[in-house]
Amino acid sequence: MTGPIRQRREGGILEVTIDRPKANAIDLATSRIMGEVFREFRDNDTLRVAIITGAGEKFFCPGWDLKAAAAGDAVDGDYGVGGFGGMQELRDLNKPIIAAINGICCGGGFEIALSTDLILAAEHATFALPEIRSGTVADAASIKLPKRIPYHIAMDMLLTGRWLDVQEAHRWGFVNEILPADKLMDRAWELARLLESGPPLVYAAIKEVVRAAEGDTFQGTMNKITKRQFRTVDILYSSEDQLEGARAFAEKRDPVWKGR
């Protein structure tokens, strides 16, 4: 597939590559394309897991395309369904997404990575929120990052714009694994295949519960689970897969998940 967003599909796995030379920056048009890609991923029952990465060896994504902004793209323009990058505001995106960070990951690119569920990074990857230096706010990161890593480290990144190497990113916990550059995508696909073999209804319930819990008390979220007030939990508890999991355990065999 040509254009700024390339797609590769194998079974239930979708690989999405940002390919906008020279730096994989995202303008309004690219963001709208990404929104359509991830909406299709969300709505296609045959797709189970997504990987997002960047083309080339230097950049994952630096975020907002400042050259496009200088040419007239408004910072508060139409990013399309799912908001900037297509996924961070996409409702009911209840499937696992893996970020494979192959280089510089900063600004809105870092915010896209924070919208995924697992982050793998090459040994040369670097991370930053440099918006402070251009007089704007890293809005999504200001909401998400202090909930993911220690508050004072998040504020350091937001207030100073300093760069973190991959070792420090791993130490603070927002990178799951560090890989040699030539092994990054192999590991991403290995992990994706593992997730593809898992129970999609359980994944959906996990993601909905985790999102809800960010803005609720422990007991409030637990009450919604036990009363089946989450759509994904209600579907899971009434599903064939729920019975299949119990039967497979009792029969000492691998379960066969059908997603229903």
Protein backbone atom coordinates (compact mmCIF):
# COMPACT_ATOMS: atom_id res chain seq x y z
CA MET A 1 0.00 0.00 0.00
CA THR A 2 1.45 3.38 -1.02
CA GLY A 3 0.98 6.67 0.79
CA PRO A 4 2.03 7.96 4.20
CA ILE A 5 0.58 4.94 6.02
CA ARG A 6 1.55 1.43 4.95
CA GLN A 7 -0.30 -1.67 6.08
CA ARG A 8 0.68 -5.31 6.18
CA ARG A 9 -1.65 -8.06 7.31
CA GLU A 10 -0.88 -11.62 8.32
CA GLY A 11 -3.77 -13.62 9.75
CA GLY A 12 -5.28 -11.58 12.57
CA ILE A 13 -2.30 -9.23 12.87
CA LEU A 14 -2.16 -5.78 11.29
CA GLU A 15 1.16 -3.94 10.97
CA VAL A 16 0.84 -0.17 10.48
CA THR A 17 3.91 1.81 9.37
CA ILE A 18 4.14 5.60 9.36
CA ASP A 19 6.10 6.40 6.18
CA ARG A 20 6.45 10.16 5.60
CA PRO A 21 10.05 11.04 4.75
CA LYS A 22 12.14 12.49 6.15
CA ALA A 23 10.95 12.17 9.75
CA ASN A 24 7.52 10.44 9.73
CA ALA A 25 5.86 13.59 11.08
CA ILE A 26 2.07 13.65 10.99
CA ASP A 27 -0.01 16.32 9.28
CA LEU A 28 -3.80 16.58 9.31
CA ALA A 29 -4.28 14.43 6.22
CA THR A 30 -2.05 11.65 7.59
CA SER A 31 -3.83 11.72 10.94
CA ARG A 32 -7.18 11.29 9.19
CA ILE A 33 -5.84 8.29 7.27
CA MET A 34 -4.58 6.77 10.52
CA GLY A 35 -8.02 7.24 12.05
CA GLU A 36 -9.62 5.27 9.23
CA VAL A 37 -7.00 2.54 9.53
CA PHE A 38 -7.52 2.07 13.26
CA ARG A 39 -11.30 2.33 12.99
CA GLU A 40 -11.20 -0.53 10.46
CA PHE A 41 -8.89 -2.45 12.81
CA ARG A 42 -11.34 -1.92 15.68
CA ASP A 43 -14.40 -2.94 13.67
CA ASN A 44 -12.97 -5.90 11.75
CA ASP A 45 -13.63 -9.04 13.80
CA THR A 46 -10.93 -10.99 11.95
CA LEU A 47 -8.21 -8.60 13.16
CA ARG A 48 -6.94 -9.31 16.68
CA VAL A 49 -3.69 -7.37 17.24
CA ALA A 50 -1.96 -4.33 15.72
CA ILE A 51 1.66 -3.24 15.55
CA ILE A 52 2.58 0.38 14.88
CA THR A 53 6.07 1.44 13.82
CA GLY A 54 7.89 3.98 11.68
CA ALA A 55 9.69 3.60 8.37
CA GLY A 56 13.45 3.86 8.26
CA GLU A 57 16.02 3.54 11.03
CA LYS A 58 16.11 7.03 12.53
CA PHE A 59 12.55 8.09 13.35
CA PHE A 60 9.52 6.40 14.83
CA CYS A 61 7.57 9.66 14.80
CA PRO A 62 8.31 13.20 16.00
CA GLY A 63 4.61 14.01 16.20
CA TRP A 64 3.04 17.10 14.67
CA ASP A 65 4.40 18.24 11.31
CA LEU A 66 5.53 21.80 12.01
CA LYS A 67 6.24 22.45 8.33
CA ALA A 68 2.63 21.57 7.52
CA ALA A 69 1.54 23.84 10.37
CA ALA A 70 3.59 26.69 8.90
CA ALA A 71 1.89 26.03 5.56
CA GLY A 72 -1.58 26.33 7.08
CA ASP A 73 -2.47 23.15 8.99
CA ALA A 74 -4.19 24.36 12.17
CA VAL A 75 -3.05 22.77 15.44
CA ASP A 76 -6.72 22.47 16.40
CA GLY A 77 -7.77 21.29 12.94
CA ASP A 78 -9.60 18.13 11.88
CA TYR A 79 -7.42 15.20 12.91
CA GLY A 80 -10.14 12.76 11.95
CA VAL A 81 -11.77 9.93 13.85
CA GLY A 82 -9.65 8.95 16.84
CA GLY A 83 -7.97 12.32 17.20
CA PHE A 84 -4.27 12.87 16.54
CA GLY A 85 -2.68 9.72 15.15
CA GLY A 86 -6.00 7.93 14.85
CA MET A 87 -6.08 5.94 18.08
CA GLN A 88 -5.74 7.97 21.26
CA GLU A 89 -9.35 9.20 21.21
CA LEU A 90 -10.88 6.30 19.28
CA ARG A 91 -13.75 4.96 21.36
CA ASP A 92 -13.99 1.25 22.20
CA LEU A 93 -10.57 0.36 20.81
CA ASN A 94 -10.51 -2.89 22.76
CA LYS A 95 -7.79 -4.83 20.95
CA PRO A 96 -4.09 -5.02 21.90
CA ILE A 97 -1.70 -2.65 20.12
CA ILE A 98 2.09 -2.96 20.21
CA ALA A 99 4.38 0.00 19.50
CA ALA A 100 7.74 -0.88 17.92
CA ILE A 101 9.87 2.23 18.46
CA ASN A 102 12.64 2.25 15.89
CA GLY A 103 14.26 5.61 16.63
CA ILE A 104 13.29 9.11 17.71
CA CYS A 105 9.93 9.14 19.49
CA CYS A 106 8.91 12.58 20.66
CA GLY A 107 6.01 14.98 20.98
CA GLY A 108 2.86 13.60 19.43
CA GLY A 109 4.77 10.48 18.41
CA PHE A 110 5.43 9.77 22.07
CA GLU A 111 1.74 10.37 22.78
CA ILE A 112 0.84 7.80 20.13
CA ALA A 113 3.18 5.30 21.81
CA LEU A 114 1.52 6.02 25.16
CA SER A 115 -1.82 5.11 23.55
CA THR A 116 -0.63 1.57 22.85
CA ASP A 117 -0.57 -1.34 25.29
CA LEU A 118 3.00 -2.60 24.96
CA ILE A 119 6.10 -0.65 23.92
CA LEU A 120 9.16 -2.33 22.43
CA ALA A 121 12.13 -0.14 21.57
CA ALA A 122 15.36 -0.42 19.64
CA GLU A 123 18.63 0.22 21.49
CA HIS A 124 19.04 3.60 19.77
CA ALA A 125 15.50 4.86 20.52
CA THR A 126 15.10 8.19 22.32
CA PHE A 127 12.09 9.89 23.89
CA ALA A 128 11.08 13.48 24.68
CA LEU A 129 8.23 15.94 24.98
CA PRO A 130 9.79 19.06 23.44
CA GLU A 131 6.52 21.00 23.09
CA ILE A 132 7.57 23.34 25.91
CA ARG A 133 10.32 24.69 23.63
CA SER A 134 7.86 25.63 20.90
CA GLY A 135 5.44 27.32 23.26
CA THR A 136 2.68 24.74 23.29
CA VAL A 137 1.35 21.99 25.55
CA ALA A 138 1.81 18.26 25.15
CA ASP A 139 -1.87 17.79 25.90
CA ALA A 140 -2.35 14.01 25.79
CA ALA A 141 0.99 13.38 27.51
CA SER A 142 0.08 15.83 30.28
CA ILE A 143 -2.95 13.64 31.00
CA LYS A 144 -1.38 10.21 30.56
CA LEU A 145 2.27 10.35 31.54
CA PRO A 146 1.91 11.26 35.26
CA LYS A 147 -0.35 8.19 35.61
CA ARG A 148 2.19 5.87 34.01
CA ILE A 149 5.51 6.85 35.61
CA PRO A 150 6.55 8.69 38.80
CA TYR A 151 4.99 12.15 38.92
CA HIS A 152 8.26 14.04 39.25
CA ILE A 153 9.83 12.27 36.28
CA ALA A 154 6.77 13.00 34.15
CA MET A 155 6.85 16.65 35.18
CA ASP A 156 10.58 16.81 34.42
CA MET A 157 9.87 15.64 30.87
CA LEU A 158 6.90 17.98 30.43
CA LEU A 159 8.51 21.08 31.97
CA THR A 160 12.03 20.81 30.53
CA GLY A 161 11.58 18.87 27.29
CA ARG A 162 14.71 16.85 28.06
CA TRP A 163 15.56 13.69 26.13
CA LEU A 164 15.61 10.20 27.65
CA ASP A 165 17.62 7.37 26.19
CA VAL A 166 16.02 3.95 25.94
CA GLN A 167 17.70 2.66 29.10
CA GLU A 168 16.16 5.43 31.20
CA ALA A 169 12.79 4.96 29.51
CA HIS A 170 12.93 1.28 30.43
CA ARG A 171 13.97 2.11 33.98
CA TRP A 172 10.91 4.34 34.47
CA GLY A 173 8.68 1.63 33.07
CA PHE A 174 7.16 2.98 29.87
CA VAL A 175 9.28 0.72 27.67
CA ASN A 176 8.64 -3.01 28.10
CA GLU A 177 11.67 -4.38 26.24
CA ILE A 178 14.86 -3.09 24.61
CA LEU A 179 15.94 -4.89 21.44
CA PRO A 180 18.79 -4.66 18.93
CA ALA A 181 17.47 -2.68 15.97
CA ASP A 182 17.59 -5.69 13.66
CA LYS A 183 15.53 -7.77 16.11
CA LEU A 184 12.85 -5.20 16.92
CA MET A 185 10.22 -6.18 14.37
CA ASP A 186 10.88 -9.89 14.81
CA ARG A 187 10.09 -9.53 18.50
CA ALA A 188 7.05 -7.35 17.78
CA TRP A 189 5.63 -10.02 15.49
CA GLU A 190 6.49 -12.80 17.95
CA LEU A 191 4.57 -10.96 20.65
CA ALA A 192 1.71 -10.18 18.27
CA ARG A 193 1.36 -13.86 17.36
CA LEU A 194 1.21 -14.74 21.05
CA LEU A 195 -1.59 -12.22 21.59
CA GLU A 196 -3.35 -13.33 18.40
CA SER A 197 -3.65 -16.81 19.92
CA GLY A 198 -5.31 -15.44 23.08
CA PRO A 199 -8.96 -14.79 24.00
CA PRO A 200 -10.17 -11.63 22.22
CA LEU A 201 -13.21 -11.17 24.47
CA VAL A 202 -10.98 -11.19 27.54
CA TYR A 203 -8.63 -8.65 25.94
CA ALA A 204 -11.61 -6.39 25.24
CA ALA A 205 -12.84 -6.63 28.83
CA ILE A 206 -9.35 -5.91 30.20
CA LYS A 207 -8.97 -2.78 28.08
CA GLU A 208 -12.42 -1.40 28.92
CA VAL A 209 -11.97 -2.03 32.65
CA VAL A 210 -8.48 -0.50 32.69
CA ARG A 211 -9.71 2.64 30.91
CA ALA A 212 -12.67 3.02 33.27
CA ALA A 213 -10.53 2.47 36.35
CA GLU A 214 -8.34 5.47 35.51
CA GLY A 215 -11.22 7.79 36.41
CA ASP A 216 -12.96 5.75 39.11
CA THR A 217 -12.35 4.28 42.54
CA PHE A 218 -11.36 0.65 42.97
CA GLN A 219 -14.72 -0.26 44.49
CA GLY A 220 -16.64 1.71 41.91
CA THR A 221 -15.01 -0.20 39.08
CA MET A 222 -15.40 -3.54 40.88
CA ASN A 223 -19.11 -2.87 41.36
CA LYS A 224 -19.52 -2.22 37.64
CA ILE A 225 -17.75 -5.50 36.86
CA THR A 226 -19.84 -7.62 39.23
CA LYS A 227 -23.06 -5.97 38.02
CA ARG A 228 -21.98 -6.52 34.39
CA GLN A 229 -22.27 -2.82 33.63
CA PHE A 230 -19.34 -2.94 31.22
CA ARG A 231 -20.47 -4.04 27.77
CA THR A 232 -17.34 -6.13 27.17
CA VAL A 233 -17.64 -7.89 30.53
CA ASP A 234 -21.32 -8.64 29.93
CA ILE A 235 -20.50 -10.14 26.52
CA LEU A 236 -17.63 -12.18 27.98
CA TYR A 237 -19.66 -13.63 30.86
CA SER A 238 -22.35 -14.82 28.42
CA SER A 239 -19.97 -16.11 25.76
CA GLU A 240 -19.01 -19.46 24.31
CA ASP A 241 -15.39 -18.55 25.03
CA GLN A 242 -16.09 -18.28 28.76
CA LEU A 243 -17.36 -21.87 28.75
CA GLU A 244 -14.55 -23.00 26.44
CA GLY A 245 -11.92 -21.69 28.85
CA ALA A 246 -13.38 -23.67 31.74
CA ARG A 247 -13.80 -26.82 29.65
CA ALA A 248 -10.28 -26.64 28.24
CA PHE A 249 -8.86 -26.31 31.75
CA ALA A 250 -10.90 -29.26 33.03
CA GLU A 251 -9.96 -31.37 29.99
CA LYS A 252 -6.27 -30.36 30.21
CA ARG A 253 -6.10 -29.08 26.63
CA ASP A 254 -5.47 -25.79 24.87
CA PRO A 255 -8.61 -23.67 24.45
CA VAL A 256 -9.97 -22.81 21.03
CA TRP A 257 -11.11 -19.21 21.12
CA LYS A 258 -13.87 -18.13 18.76
CA GLY A 259 -14.42 -14.56 19.90
CA ARG A 260 -18.06 -15.19 20.67
